[in-house]
Amino acid sequence: MKKYTIIGILVVVAGFIYGVIYFANAKKEKETAISYNRDIRPLLSDKCFSCHGPDVSKVKAGLRLDLPASAFAELQKNKGHYAIVPGNPA
């Protein structure tokens, strides 16, 4: 009888540990979801906006990344190509 009790306790403990690990990983996935304001905007601000931002006198290659209409538009110097294509990270 004691053998089955110990096995039962081990099964319950293993299930509990699995549940804790499962929910801990689910929380991590939610926290690591990409956020434009937290993850993307700072990169653009630090690396891109100095040449492709709101200061019209410093804009290079006619590409502004601070305005969606310009960021998603066809490139002026390379017709048929786009700097950003929504839904296509490549």
PDB file of N, CA and C in Angstrom:
ATOM      1  N   MET A   1       0.813  -1.191   0.000  1.00  0.00           N
ATOM      2  CA  MET A   1       0.000   0.000   0.000  1.00  0.00           C
ATOM      3  C   MET A   1       0.857   1.256   0.000  1.00  0.00           C
ATOM      4  N   LYS A   2       1.948   1.219   0.767  1.00  0.00           N
ATOM      5  CA  LYS A   2       2.826   2.388   0.843  1.00  0.00           C
ATOM      6  C   LYS A   2       3.479   2.684  -0.503  1.00  0.00           C
ATOM      7  N   LYS A   3       3.732   1.649  -1.275  1.00  0.00           N
ATOM      8  CA  LYS A   3       4.359   1.815  -2.581  1.00  0.00           C
ATOM      9  C   LYS A   3       3.485   2.686  -3.483  1.00  0.00           C
ATOM     10  N   TYR A   4       2.178   2.428  -3.503  1.00  0.00           N
ATOM     11  CA  TYR A   4       1.254   3.206  -4.332  1.00  0.00           C
ATOM     12  C   TYR A   4       1.089   4.623  -3.811  1.00  0.00           C
ATOM     13  N   THR A   5       1.167   4.820  -2.510  1.00  0.00           N
ATOM     14  CA  THR A   5       1.056   6.144  -1.919  1.00  0.00           C
ATOM     15  C   THR A   5       2.256   7.004  -2.334  1.00  0.00           C
ATOM     16  N   ILE A   6       3.434   6.446  -2.287  1.00  0.00           N
ATOM     17  CA  ILE A   6       4.644   7.175  -2.666  1.00  0.00           C
ATOM     18  C   ILE A   6       4.601   7.514  -4.154  1.00  0.00           C
ATOM     19  N   ILE A   7       4.172   6.567  -4.985  1.00  0.00           N
ATOM     20  CA  ILE A   7       4.065   6.819  -6.429  1.00  0.00           C
ATOM     21  C   ILE A   7       3.035   7.918  -6.680  1.00  0.00           C
ATOM     22  N   GLY A   8       1.923   7.879  -5.981  1.00  0.00           N
ATOM     23  CA  GLY A   8       0.885   8.909  -6.128  1.00  0.00           C
ATOM     24  C   GLY A   8       1.402  10.279  -5.753  1.00  0.00           C
ATOM     25  N   ILE A   9       2.133  10.354  -4.662  1.00  0.00           N
ATOM     26  CA  ILE A   9       2.704  11.636  -4.223  1.00  0.00           C
ATOM     27  C   ILE A   9       3.699  12.147  -5.258  1.00  0.00           C
ATOM     28  N   LEU A  10       4.526  11.258  -5.792  1.00  0.00           N
ATOM     29  CA  LEU A  10       5.496  11.662  -6.813  1.00  0.00           C
ATOM     30  C   LEU A  10       4.804  12.167  -8.075  1.00  0.00           C
ATOM     31  N   VAL A  11       3.710  11.536  -8.468  1.00  0.00           N
ATOM     32  CA  VAL A  11       2.962  11.979  -9.643  1.00  0.00           C
ATOM     33  C   VAL A  11       2.370  13.368  -9.402  1.00  0.00           C
ATOM     34  N   VAL A  12       1.811  13.594  -8.235  1.00  0.00           N
ATOM     35  CA  VAL A  12       1.226  14.903  -7.908  1.00  0.00           C
ATOM     36  C   VAL A  12       2.313  15.974  -7.888  1.00  0.00           C
ATOM     37  N   VAL A  13       3.447  15.686  -7.269  1.00  0.00           N
ATOM     38  CA  VAL A  13       4.550  16.654  -7.204  1.00  0.00           C
ATOM     39  C   VAL A  13       5.082  16.950  -8.608  1.00  0.00           C
ATOM     40  N   ALA A  14       5.244  15.917  -9.429  1.00  0.00           N
ATOM     41  CA  ALA A  14       5.728  16.128 -10.802  1.00  0.00           C
ATOM     42  C   ALA A  14       4.738  16.986 -11.584  1.00  0.00           C
ATOM     43  N   GLY A  15       3.444  16.732 -11.425  1.00  0.00           N
ATOM     44  CA  GLY A  15       2.431  17.557 -12.092  1.00  0.00           C
ATOM     45  C   GLY A  15       2.492  19.004 -11.639  1.00  0.00           C
ATOM     46  N   PHE A  16       2.682  19.208 -10.348  1.00  0.00           N
ATOM     47  CA  PHE A  16       2.784  20.567  -9.816  1.00  0.00           C
ATOM     48  C   PHE A  16       4.005  21.285 -10.394  1.00  0.00           C
ATOM     49  N   ILE A  17       5.138  20.610 -10.413  1.00  0.00           N
ATOM     50  CA  ILE A  17       6.365  21.220 -10.951  1.00  0.00           C
ATOM     51  C   ILE A  17       6.193  21.540 -12.430  1.00  0.00           C
ATOM     52  N   TYR A  18       5.586  20.617 -13.185  1.00  0.00           N
ATOM     53  CA  TYR A  18       5.330  20.871 -14.598  1.00  0.00           C
ATOM     54  C   TYR A  18       4.440  22.107 -14.768  1.00  0.00           C
ATOM     55  N   GLY A  19       3.408  22.220 -13.959  1.00  0.00           N
ATOM     56  CA  GLY A  19       2.506  23.372 -14.037  1.00  0.00           C
ATOM     57  C   GLY A  19       3.232  24.677 -13.752  1.00  0.00           C
ATOM     58  N   VAL A  20       4.071  24.683 -12.746  1.00  0.00           N
ATOM     59  CA  VAL A  20       4.829  25.896 -12.407  1.00  0.00           C
ATOM     60  C   VAL A  20       5.746  26.283 -13.565  1.00  0.00           C
ATOM     61  N   ILE A  21       6.450  25.310 -14.132  1.00  0.00           N
ATOM     62  CA  ILE A  21       7.354  25.590 -15.252  1.00  0.00           C
ATOM     63  C   ILE A  21       6.573  26.075 -16.461  1.00  0.00           C
ATOM     64  N   TYR A  22       5.436  25.455 -16.748  1.00  0.00           N
ATOM     65  CA  TYR A  22       4.611  25.841 -17.899  1.00  0.00           C
ATOM     66  C   TYR A  22       4.153  27.287 -17.784  1.00  0.00           C
ATOM     67  N   PHE A  23       3.607  27.659 -16.634  1.00  0.00           N
ATOM     68  CA  PHE A  23       3.093  29.023 -16.470  1.00  0.00           C
ATOM     69  C   PHE A  23       4.219  30.048 -16.384  1.00  0.00           C
ATOM     70  N   ALA A  24       5.378  29.668 -15.873  1.00  0.00           N
ATOM     71  CA  ALA A  24       6.522  30.587 -15.850  1.00  0.00           C
ATOM     72  C   ALA A  24       6.985  30.882 -17.269  1.00  0.00           C
ATOM     73  N   ASN A  25       7.028  29.858 -18.125  1.00  0.00           N
ATOM     74  CA  ASN A  25       7.430  30.063 -19.515  1.00  0.00           C
ATOM     75  C   ASN A  25       6.386  30.864 -20.278  1.00  0.00           C
ATOM     76  N   ALA A  26       5.115  30.659 -20.009  1.00  0.00           N
ATOM     77  CA  ALA A  26       4.060  31.433 -20.673  1.00  0.00           C
ATOM     78  C   ALA A  26       4.199  32.903 -20.331  1.00  0.00           C
ATOM     79  N   LYS A  27       4.529  33.207 -19.093  1.00  0.00           N
ATOM     80  CA  LYS A  27       4.712  34.604 -18.681  1.00  0.00           C
ATOM     81  C   LYS A  27       5.923  35.210 -19.391  1.00  0.00           C
ATOM     82  N   LYS A  28       7.020  34.446 -19.523  1.00  0.00           N
ATOM     83  CA  LYS A  28       8.209  34.944 -20.216  1.00  0.00           C
ATOM     84  C   LYS A  28       7.903  35.257 -21.675  1.00  0.00           C
ATOM     85  N   GLU A  29       7.138  34.386 -22.345  1.00  0.00           N
ATOM     86  CA  GLU A  29       6.787  34.624 -23.743  1.00  0.00           C
ATOM     87  C   GLU A  29       5.994  35.900 -23.894  1.00  0.00           C
ATOM     88  N   LYS A  30       5.084  36.168 -22.982  1.00  0.00           N
ATOM     89  CA  LYS A  30       4.280  37.380 -23.041  1.00  0.00           C
ATOM     90  C   LYS A  30       5.170  38.611 -22.861  1.00  0.00           C
ATOM     91  N   GLU A  31       6.160  38.510 -21.960  1.00  0.00           N
ATOM     92  CA  GLU A  31       7.058  39.630 -21.705  1.00  0.00           C
ATOM     93  C   GLU A  31       8.025  39.868 -22.866  1.00  0.00           C
ATOM     94  N   THR A  32       8.326  38.843 -23.644  1.00  0.00           N
ATOM     95  CA  THR A  32       9.298  39.001 -24.719  1.00  0.00           C
ATOM     96  C   THR A  32       8.640  39.322 -26.061  1.00  0.00           C
ATOM     97  N   ALA A  33       7.337  39.524 -26.085  1.00  0.00           N
ATOM     98  CA  ALA A  33       6.682  39.929 -27.326  1.00  0.00           C
ATOM     99  C   ALA A  33       7.245  41.284 -27.757  1.00  0.00           C
ATOM    100  N   ILE A  34       7.469  41.458 -29.034  1.00  0.00           N
ATOM    101  CA  ILE A  34       8.060  42.692 -29.551  1.00  0.00           C
ATOM    102  C   ILE A  34       7.064  43.832 -29.420  1.00  0.00           C
ATOM    103  N   SER A  35       7.552  44.935 -28.908  1.00  0.00           N
ATOM    104  CA  SER A  35       6.750  46.148 -28.773  1.00  0.00           C
ATOM    105  C   SER A  35       7.422  47.245 -29.597  1.00  0.00           C
ATOM    106  N   TYR A  36       6.646  47.917 -30.437  1.00  0.00           N
ATOM    107  CA  TYR A  36       7.224  48.979 -31.264  1.00  0.00           C
ATOM    108  C   TYR A  36       7.846  50.058 -30.384  1.00  0.00           C
ATOM    109  N   ASN A  37       7.096  50.546 -29.408  1.00  0.00           N
ATOM    110  CA  ASN A  37       7.595  51.642 -28.574  1.00  0.00           C
ATOM    111  C   ASN A  37       8.775  51.238 -27.706  1.00  0.00           C
ATOM    112  N   ARG A  38       8.819  50.000 -27.228  1.00  0.00           N
ATOM    113  CA  ARG A  38       9.908  49.558 -26.363  1.00  0.00           C
ATOM    114  C   ARG A  38      11.121  49.078 -27.151  1.00  0.00           C
ATOM    115  N   ASP A  39      10.901  48.365 -28.277  1.00  0.00           N
ATOM    116  CA  ASP A  39      12.000  47.698 -28.975  1.00  0.00           C
ATOM    117  C   ASP A  39      12.433  48.368 -30.281  1.00  0.00           C
ATOM    118  N   ILE A  40      11.507  48.878 -31.062  1.00  0.00           N
ATOM    119  CA  ILE A  40      11.816  49.384 -32.398  1.00  0.00           C
ATOM    120  C   ILE A  40      12.119  50.882 -32.402  1.00  0.00           C
ATOM    121  N   ARG A  41      11.241  51.657 -31.801  1.00  0.00           N
ATOM    122  CA  ARG A  41      11.406  53.116 -31.821  1.00  0.00           C
ATOM    123  C   ARG A  41      12.764  53.568 -31.297  1.00  0.00           C
ATOM    124  N   PRO A  42      13.271  53.027 -30.168  1.00  0.00           N
ATOM    125  CA  PRO A  42      14.600  53.462 -29.709  1.00  0.00           C
ATOM    126  C   PRO A  42      15.711  53.175 -30.723  1.00  0.00           C
ATOM    127  N   LEU A  43      15.623  52.056 -31.429  1.00  0.00           N
ATOM    128  CA  LEU A  43      16.631  51.747 -32.462  1.00  0.00           C
ATOM    129  C   LEU A  43      16.583  52.766 -33.587  1.00  0.00           C
ATOM    130  N   LEU A  44      15.373  53.060 -34.066  1.00  0.00           N
ATOM    131  CA  LEU A  44      15.239  54.058 -35.127  1.00  0.00           C
ATOM    132  C   LEU A  44      15.756  55.411 -34.660  1.00  0.00           C
ATOM    133  N   SER A  45      15.408  55.778 -33.454  1.00  0.00           N
ATOM    134  CA  SER A  45      15.825  57.077 -32.925  1.00  0.00           C
ATOM    135  C   SER A  45      17.346  57.177 -32.809  1.00  0.00           C
ATOM    136  N   ASP A  46      17.981  56.114 -32.309  1.00  0.00           N
ATOM    137  CA  ASP A  46      19.434  56.139 -32.087  1.00  0.00           C
ATOM    138  C   ASP A  46      20.242  55.957 -33.365  1.00  0.00           C
ATOM    139  N   LYS A  47      19.757  55.133 -34.286  1.00  0.00           N
ATOM    140  CA  LYS A  47      20.562  54.743 -35.441  1.00  0.00           C
ATOM    141  C   LYS A  47      20.122  55.345 -36.775  1.00  0.00           C
ATOM    142  N   CYS A  48      18.845  55.679 -36.918  1.00  0.00           N
ATOM    143  CA  CYS A  48      18.329  56.016 -38.251  1.00  0.00           C
ATOM    144  C   CYS A  48      17.850  57.464 -38.407  1.00  0.00           C
ATOM    145  N   PHE A  49      17.246  58.008 -37.373  1.00  0.00           N
ATOM    146  CA  PHE A  49      16.599  59.307 -37.517  1.00  0.00           C
ATOM    147  C   PHE A  49      17.574  60.462 -37.727  1.00  0.00           C
ATOM    148  N   SER A  50      18.846  60.281 -37.428  1.00  0.00           N
ATOM    149  CA  SER A  50      19.787  61.374 -37.672  1.00  0.00           C
ATOM    150  C   SER A  50      19.907  61.668 -39.165  1.00  0.00           C
ATOM    151  N   CYS A  51      19.757  60.664 -40.006  1.00  0.00           N
ATOM    152  CA  CYS A  51      19.825  60.850 -41.463  1.00  0.00           C
ATOM    153  C   CYS A  51      18.472  60.688 -42.150  1.00  0.00           C
ATOM    154  N   HIS A  52      17.532  60.020 -41.505  1.00  0.00           N
ATOM    155  CA  HIS A  52      16.245  59.722 -42.138  1.00  0.00           C
ATOM    156  C   HIS A  52      15.084  60.096 -41.222  1.00  0.00           C
ATOM    157  N   GLY A  53      15.252  61.207 -40.506  1.00  0.00           N
ATOM    158  CA  GLY A  53      14.232  61.613 -39.550  1.00  0.00           C
ATOM    159  C   GLY A  53      13.588  62.941 -39.878  1.00  0.00           C
ATOM    160  N   PRO A  54      13.086  63.614 -38.864  1.00  0.00           N
ATOM    161  CA  PRO A  54      12.283  64.818 -39.071  1.00  0.00           C
ATOM    162  C   PRO A  54      13.051  66.056 -39.547  1.00  0.00           C
ATOM    163  N   ASP A  55      14.380  66.082 -39.399  1.00  0.00           N
ATOM    164  CA  ASP A  55      15.145  67.253 -39.844  1.00  0.00           C
ATOM    165  C   ASP A  55      15.327  67.182 -41.363  1.00  0.00           C
ATOM    166  N   VAL A  56      14.511  67.927 -42.089  1.00  0.00           N
ATOM    167  CA  VAL A  56      14.492  67.875 -43.559  1.00  0.00           C
ATOM    168  C   VAL A  56      15.844  68.220 -44.165  1.00  0.00           C
ATOM    169  N   SER A  57      16.615  69.081 -43.533  1.00  0.00           N
ATOM    170  CA  SER A  57      17.905  69.480 -44.092  1.00  0.00           C
ATOM    171  C   SER A  57      18.948  68.357 -44.035  1.00  0.00           C
ATOM    172  N   LYS A  58      18.730  67.338 -43.200  1.00  0.00           N
ATOM    173  CA  LYS A  58      19.693  66.236 -43.064  1.00  0.00           C
ATOM    174  C   LYS A  58      19.218  64.936 -43.708  1.00  0.00           C
ATOM    175  N   VAL A  59      18.062  64.927 -44.334  1.00  0.00           N
ATOM    176  CA  VAL A  59      17.523  63.699 -44.917  1.00  0.00           C
ATOM    177  C   VAL A  59      18.400  63.227 -46.065  1.00  0.00           C
ATOM    178  N   LYS A  60      18.816  61.961 -45.995  1.00  0.00           N
ATOM    179  CA  LYS A  60      19.657  61.377 -47.038  1.00  0.00           C
ATOM    180  C   LYS A  60      18.833  60.427 -47.890  1.00  0.00           C
ATOM    181  N   ALA A  61      19.142  60.370 -49.162  1.00  0.00           N
ATOM    182  CA  ALA A  61      18.519  59.471 -50.140  1.00  0.00           C
ATOM    183  C   ALA A  61      17.013  59.687 -50.253  1.00  0.00           C
ATOM    184  N   GLY A  62      16.536  60.827 -49.803  1.00  0.00           N
ATOM    185  CA  GLY A  62      15.112  61.130 -49.911  1.00  0.00           C
ATOM    186  C   GLY A  62      14.228  60.198 -49.102  1.00  0.00           C
ATOM    187  N   LEU A  63      14.781  59.557 -48.097  1.00  0.00           N
ATOM    188  CA  LEU A  63      14.037  58.584 -47.306  1.00  0.00           C
ATOM    189  C   LEU A  63      13.840  59.083 -45.883  1.00  0.00           C
ATOM    190  N   ARG A  64      12.586  59.280 -45.516  1.00  0.00           N
ATOM    191  CA  ARG A  64      12.238  59.625 -44.137  1.00  0.00           C
ATOM    192  C   ARG A  64      11.552  58.433 -43.507  1.00  0.00           C
ATOM    193  N   LEU A  65      12.050  58.026 -42.350  1.00  0.00           N
ATOM    194  CA  LEU A  65      11.479  56.880 -41.662  1.00  0.00           C
ATOM    195  C   LEU A  65      10.528  57.282 -40.546  1.00  0.00           C
ATOM    196  N   ASP A  66      10.425  58.570 -40.278  1.00  0.00           N
ATOM    197  CA  ASP A  66       9.538  59.030 -39.207  1.00  0.00           C
ATOM    198  C   ASP A  66       8.101  59.207 -39.678  1.00  0.00           C
ATOM    199  N   LEU A  67       7.887  59.197 -40.977  1.00  0.00           N
ATOM    200  CA  LEU A  67       6.540  59.335 -41.543  1.00  0.00           C
ATOM    201  C   LEU A  67       6.174  58.044 -42.274  1.00  0.00           C
ATOM    202  N   PRO A  68       5.068  57.404 -41.903  1.00  0.00           N
ATOM    203  CA  PRO A  68       4.695  56.157 -42.570  1.00  0.00           C
ATOM    204  C   PRO A  68       4.555  56.293 -44.083  1.00  0.00           C
ATOM    205  N   ALA A  69       3.996  57.402 -44.556  1.00  0.00           N
ATOM    206  CA  ALA A  69       3.815  57.573 -46.003  1.00  0.00           C
ATOM    207  C   ALA A  69       5.151  57.538 -46.732  1.00  0.00           C
ATOM    208  N   SER A  70       6.179  58.078 -46.139  1.00  0.00           N
ATOM    209  CA  SER A  70       7.507  58.075 -46.753  1.00  0.00           C
ATOM    210  C   SER A  70       8.222  56.740 -46.532  1.00  0.00           C
ATOM    211  N   ALA A  71       8.090  56.174 -45.346  1.00  0.00           N
ATOM    212  CA  ALA A  71       8.786  54.919 -45.023  1.00  0.00           C
ATOM    213  C   ALA A  71       8.303  53.761 -45.892  1.00  0.00           C
ATOM    214  N   PHE A  72       6.996  53.741 -46.238  1.00  0.00           N
ATOM    215  CA  PHE A  72       6.428  52.648 -47.019  1.00  0.00           C
ATOM    216  C   PHE A  72       6.367  52.953 -48.514  1.00  0.00           C
ATOM    217  N   ALA A  73       6.797  54.135 -48.918  1.00  0.00           N
ATOM    218  CA  ALA A  73       6.699  54.542 -50.322  1.00  0.00           C
ATOM    219  C   ALA A  73       7.818  53.921 -51.165  1.00  0.00           C
ATOM    220  N   GLU A  74       7.616  53.926 -52.465  1.00  0.00           N
ATOM    221  CA  GLU A  74       8.634  53.453 -53.402  1.00  0.00           C
ATOM    222  C   GLU A  74       9.861  54.362 -53.300  1.00  0.00           C
ATOM    223  N   LEU A  75      11.048  53.776 -53.348  1.00  0.00           N
ATOM    224  CA  LEU A  75      12.279  54.559 -53.246  1.00  0.00           C
ATOM    225  C   LEU A  75      12.446  55.446 -54.470  1.00  0.00           C
ATOM    226  N   GLN A  76      12.851  56.683 -54.247  1.00  0.00           N
ATOM    227  CA  GLN A  76      12.987  57.649 -55.334  1.00  0.00           C
ATOM    228  C   GLN A  76      14.101  57.264 -56.300  1.00  0.00           C
ATOM    229  N   LYS A  77      15.230  56.816 -55.757  1.00  0.00           N
ATOM    230  CA  LYS A  77      16.391  56.528 -56.592  1.00  0.00           C
ATOM    231  C   LYS A  77      16.460  55.077 -57.073  1.00  0.00           C
ATOM    232  N   ASN A  78      15.534  54.246 -56.616  1.00  0.00           N
ATOM    233  CA  ASN A  78      15.563  52.832 -56.969  1.00  0.00           C
ATOM    234  C   ASN A  78      14.126  52.369 -57.187  1.00  0.00           C
ATOM    235  N   LYS A  79      13.575  52.742 -58.331  1.00  0.00           N
ATOM    236  CA  LYS A  79      12.166  52.470 -58.634  1.00  0.00           C
ATOM    237  C   LYS A  79      11.853  50.970 -58.550  1.00  0.00           C
ATOM    238  N   GLY A  80      10.682  50.675 -58.045  1.00  0.00           N
ATOM    239  CA  GLY A  80      10.259  49.293 -57.888  1.00  0.00           C
ATOM    240  C   GLY A  80      10.731  48.656 -56.591  1.00  0.00           C
ATOM    241  N   HIS A  81      11.481  49.397 -55.782  1.00  0.00           N
ATOM    242  CA  HIS A  81      11.987  48.892 -54.507  1.00  0.00           C
ATOM    243  C   HIS A  81      11.451  49.756 -53.371  1.00  0.00           C
ATOM    244  N   TYR A  82      11.368  49.151 -52.191  1.00  0.00           N
ATOM    245  CA  TYR A  82      10.807  49.825 -51.024  1.00  0.00           C
ATOM    246  C   TYR A  82      11.730  49.624 -49.828  1.00  0.00           C
ATOM    247  N   ALA A  83      11.857  50.648 -48.981  1.00  0.00           N
ATOM    248  CA  ALA A  83      12.678  50.519 -47.787  1.00  0.00           C
ATOM    249  C   ALA A  83      12.000  49.593 -46.776  1.00  0.00           C
ATOM    250  N   ILE A  84      10.680  49.752 -46.627  1.00  0.00           N
ATOM    251  CA  ILE A  84       9.917  48.944 -45.689  1.00  0.00           C
ATOM    252  C   ILE A  84       8.678  48.416 -46.394  1.00  0.00           C
ATOM    253  N   VAL A  85       8.475  47.115 -46.304  1.00  0.00           N
ATOM    254  CA  VAL A  85       7.264  46.488 -46.850  1.00  0.00           C
ATOM    255  C   VAL A  85       6.526  45.879 -45.661  1.00  0.00           C
ATOM    256  N   PRO A  86       5.341  46.402 -45.326  1.00  0.00           N
ATOM    257  CA  PRO A  86       4.603  45.870 -44.175  1.00  0.00           C
ATOM    258  C   PRO A  86       4.383  44.367 -44.307  1.00  0.00           C
ATOM    259  N   GLY A  87       4.672  43.648 -43.227  1.00  0.00           N
ATOM    260  CA  GLY A  87       4.491  42.203 -43.207  1.00  0.00           C
ATOM    261  C   GLY A  87       5.638  41.422 -43.802  1.00  0.00           C
ATOM    262  N   ASN A  88       6.680  42.111 -44.302  1.00  0.00           N
ATOM    263  CA  ASN A  88       7.831  41.423 -44.888  1.00  0.00           C
ATOM    264  C   ASN A  88       9.105  41.907 -44.195  1.00  0.00           C
ATOM    265  N   PRO A  89       9.567  41.203 -43.148  1.00  0.00           N
ATOM    266  CA  PRO A  89      10.738  41.660 -42.423  1.00  0.00           C
ATOM    267  C   PRO A  89      12.030  41.618 -43.236  1.00  0.00           C
ATOM    268  N   ALA A  90      12.059  40.842 -44.297  1.00  0.00           N
ATOM    269  CA  ALA A  90      13.267  40.751 -45.124  1.00  0.00           C
ATOM    270  C   ALA A  90      13.429  42.045 -45.913  1.00  0.00           C
TER     271      ALA A  90
END
